[in-house]
Amino acid sequence: MISRRRVMGLLAATTLPIRASQARSTTWSMSTEYPATSMSGEGLRFFADALARESGGRIAVNVSFDAALKSADVPTAISDHRVMGADAFAGGLGQFDPLFLLSSLPFLAATQADARRLYAAARVAYAERLAQEGQVLLFATPWPPSGLWAKKPIIAPADLAGLAIRTYDATSAQVLAASGAHPANLSFTDTMPKLVDGSIAAVLSSGDGGAGRRLWEHLRHFTEINYAVPLSLAIVNAGYFKALPDDLHTAVDRAAEATEARQWQLLETRLAANYARMAENGVTITKADALTPELRALFARSARDAIDAWKKQVGPERARLLATVEK
């Protein structure tokens, strides 16, 4: 991959040596906190199969789904060799570095085309930042646009006022707080018990994430707000990557490239498939054009403030990444 070649110098400076027994290993273990049927889960499974083919069976990937390891903890866990690799939600990685909040900035890149342009502009920056921690970015998985799961449609400011809602990163918590809700930034693992006990009454998520967790058992309405098309990033400890011979570097790159292409292609049909599954399970889907002008204006103000705050946080060089999608 282009970005991998650009960061190899950083990897050489930051990667701890792998023991000889590890260097000879042809089995990688990777995990995701999401179900096997989610975009993240399907991406890891496809990568495992593709890598087995590309390496002629010399590298196997054991994949764990619904893992206890949360996305926010992935970089540290990989650096500490507690895991070899994982697929992590980029919003969770924002706790590690705010750069990774980029893909989930609000109402900025809500279409697939915008999201893909933004990722193309930022991929090298992601890879270089991870390389500083001795980690290799393998591929990205886009999620369908985020909406609001709730017990009723959310179409006006009054519907949002005081609503206890799960958000998925610091920015979405800021936006929804400024819009009148009571947000809690939670992983899905921590969200489900709170839905059961009633302390959370709504969830910001795609139809994909919600379907994977069967949110319809608690929340029967989904409002399409097209908040963002966020990413998950598949990462592996660079020591395990560097221990491979050159031909297997190529196999990993080819498998990762094929996986990323497949994930973006899958996104084209995923939204319709999710909506069909949701409807089959009794979910009422409210389209974005039903939102009142007042709620649209409220979201726009809250989003503008959050994006401005992110720009100040990351600095002018990183903020220029937005040029590909800002109107």
Protein backbone atom coordinates (compact mmCIF):
# COMPACT_ATOMS: atom_id res chain seq x y z
CA MET A 1 0.00 0.00 0.00
CA ILE A 2 1.16 3.53 -0.66
CA SER A 3 0.65 4.64 2.93
CA ARG A 4 2.46 1.57 4.29
CA ARG A 5 5.54 2.37 2.22
CA ARG A 6 5.53 5.95 3.48
CA VAL A 7 5.44 4.95 7.13
CA MET A 8 7.98 2.12 7.15
CA GLY A 9 10.68 4.50 8.36
CA LEU A 10 8.57 5.42 11.36
CA LEU A 11 7.91 1.76 12.06
CA ALA A 12 11.60 0.97 12.05
CA ALA A 13 12.16 3.62 14.70
CA THR A 14 9.27 2.72 16.98
CA THR A 15 8.65 -1.01 16.72
CA LEU A 16 9.86 -3.30 19.46
CA PRO A 17 11.57 -6.48 18.20
CA ILE A 18 9.47 -9.64 18.05
CA ARG A 19 10.99 -12.84 19.45
CA ALA A 20 12.12 -15.38 16.87
CA SER A 21 9.31 -17.76 17.82
CA GLN A 22 6.80 -15.00 17.15
CA ALA A 23 8.49 -14.05 13.88
CA ARG A 24 7.92 -17.59 12.57
CA SER A 25 4.25 -17.55 13.55
CA THR A 26 1.80 -17.70 10.69
CA THR A 27 -1.27 -17.10 12.83
CA TRP A 28 -2.59 -13.65 13.68
CA SER A 29 -5.40 -13.02 16.15
CA MET A 30 -7.66 -10.02 15.56
CA SER A 31 -10.84 -8.88 17.27
CA THR A 32 -13.74 -6.46 17.03
CA GLU A 33 -16.22 -5.37 19.67
CA TYR A 34 -18.98 -5.69 17.05
CA PRO A 35 -20.96 -8.77 15.94
CA ALA A 36 -19.89 -11.01 13.07
CA THR A 37 -22.82 -9.71 10.99
CA SER A 38 -21.78 -6.04 11.33
CA MET A 39 -19.76 -4.16 8.73
CA SER A 40 -16.73 -4.42 11.02
CA GLY A 41 -17.22 -8.13 11.59
CA GLU A 42 -17.72 -8.92 7.92
CA GLY A 43 -14.62 -6.91 7.05
CA LEU A 44 -12.40 -8.90 9.39
CA ARG A 45 -13.78 -12.19 8.14
CA PHE A 46 -13.26 -11.18 4.51
CA PHE A 47 -9.69 -10.08 5.31
CA ALA A 48 -8.94 -13.40 7.01
CA ASP A 49 -10.16 -15.33 3.98
CA ALA A 50 -8.37 -13.05 1.52
CA LEU A 51 -5.08 -13.27 3.43
CA ALA A 52 -5.27 -17.04 3.55
CA ARG A 53 -5.61 -17.06 -0.26
CA GLU A 54 -2.96 -14.41 -0.93
CA SER A 55 -0.43 -16.08 1.36
CA GLY A 56 -1.08 -19.57 0.04
CA GLY A 57 -2.24 -20.59 3.50
CA ARG A 58 0.95 -19.36 5.20
CA ILE A 59 -0.90 -16.77 7.31
CA ALA A 60 -4.11 -17.56 9.16
CA VAL A 61 -6.17 -14.94 10.99
CA ASN A 62 -8.24 -16.00 13.98
CA VAL A 63 -11.07 -13.50 14.39
CA SER A 64 -12.97 -12.81 17.62
CA PHE A 65 -16.33 -11.04 17.42
CA ASP A 66 -18.25 -9.29 20.22
CA ALA A 67 -14.90 -8.91 21.96
CA ALA A 68 -14.59 -7.35 25.39
CA LEU A 69 -11.80 -5.05 24.15
CA LYS A 70 -13.34 -1.65 23.42
CA SER A 71 -12.22 0.43 20.47
CA ALA A 72 -10.86 3.19 22.69
CA ASP A 73 -8.46 0.70 24.30
CA VAL A 74 -7.20 -0.89 21.09
CA PRO A 75 -4.01 1.18 20.50
CA THR A 76 -2.72 0.58 24.02
CA ALA A 77 -3.64 -3.11 23.95
CA ILE A 78 -1.77 -3.59 20.66
CA SER A 79 1.29 -1.66 21.89
CA ASP A 80 1.34 -3.74 25.08
CA HIS A 81 1.09 -6.99 23.06
CA ARG A 82 -2.15 -7.90 24.80
CA VAL A 83 -3.63 -8.34 21.32
CA MET A 84 -1.96 -8.69 17.93
CA GLY A 85 -4.51 -6.61 16.06
CA ALA A 86 -8.10 -5.41 16.02
CA ASP A 87 -10.74 -3.53 14.10
CA ALA A 88 -11.55 -0.38 16.09
CA PHE A 89 -14.26 2.24 15.67
CA ALA A 90 -12.44 5.44 14.76
CA GLY A 91 -14.62 7.54 17.05
CA GLY A 92 -13.35 5.50 19.98
CA LEU A 93 -9.79 6.09 18.81
CA GLY A 94 -10.50 9.79 19.23
CA GLN A 95 -9.68 9.33 22.91
CA PHE A 96 -6.19 8.30 21.76
CA ASP A 97 -5.80 11.15 19.24
CA PRO A 98 -8.53 13.58 18.07
CA LEU A 99 -7.36 13.08 14.49
CA PHE A 100 -9.44 9.90 14.46
CA LEU A 101 -12.65 11.85 15.14
CA LEU A 102 -12.43 13.15 11.58
CA SER A 103 -14.73 10.62 9.91
CA SER A 104 -17.52 11.21 12.42
CA LEU A 105 -17.57 15.00 12.36
CA PRO A 106 -21.25 15.97 12.18
CA PHE A 107 -23.19 16.64 8.98
CA LEU A 108 -19.99 17.12 7.03
CA ALA A 109 -19.52 13.92 4.99
CA ALA A 110 -22.86 12.20 5.26
CA THR A 111 -22.79 10.65 1.77
CA GLN A 112 -20.65 7.74 0.66
CA ALA A 113 -18.86 9.86 -1.95
CA ASP A 114 -17.94 12.58 0.56
CA ALA A 115 -16.86 10.01 3.16
CA ARG A 116 -14.62 8.23 0.68
CA ARG A 117 -12.97 11.48 -0.44
CA LEU A 118 -12.35 12.44 3.17
CA TYR A 119 -10.82 9.06 3.94
CA ALA A 120 -8.58 9.22 0.87
CA ALA A 121 -7.30 12.60 2.03
CA ALA A 122 -6.69 11.41 5.60
CA ARG A 123 -5.40 7.87 5.13
CA VAL A 124 -1.71 8.76 5.19
CA ALA A 125 -2.21 10.86 8.32
CA TYR A 126 -3.97 7.94 10.04
CA ALA A 127 -1.23 5.52 9.00
CA GLU A 128 1.59 7.81 10.09
CA ARG A 129 0.00 8.45 13.49
CA LEU A 130 -0.43 4.73 14.11
CA ALA A 131 3.11 4.05 12.90
CA GLN A 132 4.38 6.34 15.66
CA GLU A 133 2.89 3.79 18.08
CA GLY A 134 4.41 0.83 16.24
CA GLN A 135 1.18 -0.14 14.48
CA VAL A 136 0.15 -0.73 10.87
CA LEU A 137 -3.12 0.46 9.39
CA LEU A 138 -4.47 -2.38 7.27
CA PHE A 139 -7.82 -1.17 5.96
CA ALA A 140 -10.85 0.96 6.76
CA THR A 141 -14.49 -0.06 6.99
CA PRO A 142 -17.19 2.59 6.43
CA TRP A 143 -20.45 2.39 8.35
CA PRO A 144 -23.82 3.43 6.90
CA PRO A 145 -25.02 6.92 7.90
CA SER A 146 -25.71 7.37 11.61
CA GLY A 147 -29.28 8.02 12.73
CA LEU A 148 -31.30 8.07 15.94
CA TRP A 149 -32.88 4.94 17.42
CA ALA A 150 -35.58 5.92 19.93
CA LYS A 151 -39.04 5.13 21.20
CA LYS A 152 -40.58 7.72 18.89
CA PRO A 153 -39.50 9.66 15.80
CA ILE A 154 -37.10 12.53 16.52
CA ILE A 155 -38.20 15.28 14.16
CA ALA A 156 -38.36 18.48 16.26
CA PRO A 157 -36.24 20.06 19.02
CA ALA A 158 -38.85 19.14 21.61
CA ASP A 159 -38.38 15.44 20.75
CA LEU A 160 -34.69 15.73 21.58
CA ALA A 161 -34.93 17.89 24.69
CA GLY A 162 -33.71 16.05 27.79
CA LEU A 163 -33.42 12.72 25.91
CA ALA A 164 -30.89 10.33 27.48
CA ILE A 165 -29.01 9.20 24.39
CA ARG A 166 -25.99 7.02 23.71
CA THR A 167 -23.37 8.71 21.54
CA TYR A 168 -20.27 7.10 20.08
CA ASP A 169 -17.53 9.71 20.45
CA ALA A 170 -16.70 13.00 22.13
CA THR A 171 -17.90 15.10 19.20
CA SER A 172 -21.32 13.48 18.95
CA ALA A 173 -21.75 13.92 22.69
CA GLN A 174 -20.94 17.61 22.30
CA VAL A 175 -23.32 18.05 19.36
CA LEU A 176 -26.27 16.34 21.01
CA ALA A 177 -25.70 18.13 24.31
CA ALA A 178 -25.75 21.46 22.46
CA SER A 179 -28.96 20.30 20.77
CA GLY A 180 -30.71 19.77 24.10
CA ALA A 181 -30.23 16.05 24.74
CA HIS A 182 -28.49 14.33 27.66
CA PRO A 183 -25.75 12.32 25.91
CA ALA A 184 -23.53 9.55 27.25
CA ASN A 185 -20.48 8.52 25.21
CA LEU A 186 -20.62 4.71 25.42
CA SER A 187 -19.44 1.63 23.57
CA PHE A 188 -22.20 -0.72 22.45
CA THR A 189 -21.13 -3.19 25.12
CA ASP A 190 -21.84 -0.63 27.83
CA THR A 191 -24.99 0.63 26.11
CA MET A 192 -27.08 -2.53 26.15
CA PRO A 193 -27.46 -2.88 29.96
CA LYS A 194 -28.44 0.79 30.16
CA LEU A 195 -31.16 0.25 27.57
CA VAL A 196 -32.49 -2.61 29.65
CA ASP A 197 -32.56 -0.59 32.88
CA GLY A 198 -33.96 2.50 31.15
CA SER A 199 -31.12 4.90 31.90
CA ILE A 200 -30.56 5.27 28.14
CA ALA A 201 -33.63 5.94 26.00
CA ALA A 202 -32.10 6.50 22.56
CA VAL A 203 -29.01 5.53 20.57
CA LEU A 204 -26.99 7.29 17.90
CA SER A 205 -25.96 4.53 15.48
CA SER A 206 -26.36 3.33 11.96
CA GLY A 207 -29.05 0.88 11.03
CA ASP A 208 -26.19 -1.60 10.65
CA GLY A 209 -24.93 -1.27 14.22
CA GLY A 210 -28.44 -1.26 15.60
CA ALA A 211 -29.49 -4.32 13.64
CA GLY A 212 -26.41 -6.18 14.83
CA ARG A 213 -27.41 -5.48 18.42
CA ARG A 214 -31.14 -6.02 17.82
CA LEU A 215 -31.98 -2.55 19.09
CA TRP A 216 -35.55 -3.05 17.88
CA GLU A 217 -36.15 -5.10 21.03
CA HIS A 218 -35.95 -1.82 22.97
CA LEU A 219 -36.30 1.02 20.44
CA ARG A 220 -38.92 0.75 17.72
CA HIS A 221 -38.19 3.93 15.76
CA PHE A 222 -35.23 4.99 13.63
CA THR A 223 -34.93 8.58 12.45
CA GLU A 224 -32.68 9.17 9.48
CA ILE A 225 -30.58 12.27 10.23
CA ASN A 226 -27.49 11.41 8.13
CA TYR A 227 -25.19 12.51 10.93
CA ALA A 228 -21.99 10.99 9.45
CA VAL A 229 -20.51 7.98 7.65
CA PRO A 230 -17.96 7.00 10.31
CA LEU A 231 -15.12 4.53 9.89
CA SER A 232 -13.62 1.57 11.68
CA LEU A 233 -9.90 0.95 11.21
CA ALA A 234 -8.21 -2.45 11.17
CA ILE A 235 -4.79 -2.29 12.86
CA VAL A 236 -2.01 -4.77 13.62
CA ASN A 237 1.14 -4.57 15.72
CA ALA A 238 3.96 -3.59 13.35
CA GLY A 239 6.34 -6.09 14.92
CA TYR A 240 4.28 -9.00 13.64
CA PHE A 241 4.03 -7.39 10.23
CA LYS A 242 7.77 -6.64 10.00
CA ALA A 243 8.65 -10.20 11.06
CA LEU A 244 7.13 -11.51 7.82
CA PRO A 245 9.24 -12.03 4.69
CA ASP A 246 8.75 -9.56 1.86
CA ASP A 247 6.46 -11.80 -0.15
CA LEU A 248 4.09 -12.03 2.78
CA HIS A 249 4.19 -8.24 3.21
CA THR A 250 2.81 -8.16 -0.31
CA ALA A 251 0.17 -10.77 0.58
CA VAL A 252 -1.00 -8.69 3.55
CA ASP A 253 -1.15 -5.54 1.43
CA ARG A 254 -3.14 -7.25 -1.30
CA ALA A 255 -5.60 -8.77 1.15
CA ALA A 256 -6.05 -5.44 2.91
CA GLU A 257 -6.59 -3.57 -0.36
CA ALA A 258 -9.17 -6.13 -1.49
CA THR A 259 -10.96 -5.90 1.85
CA GLU A 260 -11.14 -2.12 1.78
CA ALA A 261 -12.48 -2.11 -1.79
CA ARG A 262 -15.08 -4.70 -0.81
CA GLN A 263 -16.20 -2.73 2.24
CA TRP A 264 -16.81 0.46 0.29
CA GLN A 265 -18.66 -1.52 -2.38
CA LEU A 266 -20.77 -3.24 0.27
CA LEU A 267 -21.81 0.14 1.65
CA GLU A 268 -23.65 0.88 -1.60
CA THR A 269 -26.31 -1.75 -0.86
CA ARG A 270 -26.04 -2.02 2.92
CA LEU A 271 -28.42 0.81 3.78
CA ALA A 272 -31.31 -0.72 1.83
CA ALA A 273 -30.59 -4.16 3.30
CA ASN A 274 -30.53 -2.76 6.83
CA TYR A 275 -33.79 -0.88 6.34
CA ALA A 276 -35.46 -4.01 5.01
CA ARG A 277 -34.30 -6.04 8.02
CA MET A 278 -35.37 -3.29 10.41
CA ALA A 279 -38.83 -3.08 8.83
CA GLU A 280 -39.20 -6.86 9.07
CA ASN A 281 -38.60 -6.52 12.81
CA GLY A 282 -41.19 -3.80 13.33
CA VAL A 283 -38.99 -0.71 13.19
CA THR A 284 -40.63 2.46 11.88
CA ILE A 285 -38.15 4.39 9.73
CA THR A 286 -38.56 8.17 9.52
CA LYS A 287 -36.74 9.74 6.58
CA ALA A 288 -34.58 12.84 6.89
CA ASP A 289 -36.99 15.02 4.95
CA ALA A 290 -39.44 14.74 7.86
CA LEU A 291 -37.17 16.75 10.18
CA THR A 292 -38.54 20.19 10.98
CA PRO A 293 -36.61 23.29 9.85
CA GLU A 294 -36.10 24.12 13.53
CA LEU A 295 -34.32 20.83 14.25
CA ARG A 296 -32.22 21.15 11.11
CA ALA A 297 -31.14 24.64 12.17
CA LEU A 298 -30.37 23.43 15.69
CA PHE A 299 -28.23 20.57 14.37
CA ALA A 300 -26.43 22.94 11.99
CA ARG A 301 -25.49 25.35 14.79
CA SER A 302 -24.36 22.56 17.10
CA ALA A 303 -22.34 20.91 14.33
CA ARG A 304 -20.61 24.13 13.33
CA ASP A 305 -19.46 24.75 16.89
CA ALA A 306 -18.20 21.15 17.23
CA ILE A 307 -16.27 21.27 13.96
CA ASP A 308 -14.68 24.59 14.89
CA ALA A 309 -13.64 23.12 18.25
CA TRP A 310 -12.11 20.08 16.51
CA LYS A 311 -10.12 22.32 14.16
CA LYS A 312 -8.61 24.18 17.09
CA GLN A 313 -7.85 20.92 18.85
CA VAL A 314 -5.97 19.28 15.97
CA GLY A 315 -4.28 22.35 14.50
CA PRO A 316 -4.26 23.92 11.03
CA GLU A 317 -2.40 21.16 9.18
CA ARG A 318 -4.85 18.45 10.12
CA ALA A 319 -7.81 20.82 9.77
CA ARG A 320 -6.90 21.23 6.09
CA LEU A 321 -8.05 17.64 5.56
CA LEU A 322 -11.60 19.01 5.58
CA ALA A 323 -11.01 20.89 2.35
CA THR A 324 -12.15 17.85 0.36
CA VAL A 325 -15.70 18.04 1.77
CA GLU A 326 -16.27 21.53 3.14
CA LYS A 327 -18.58 23.56 0.93
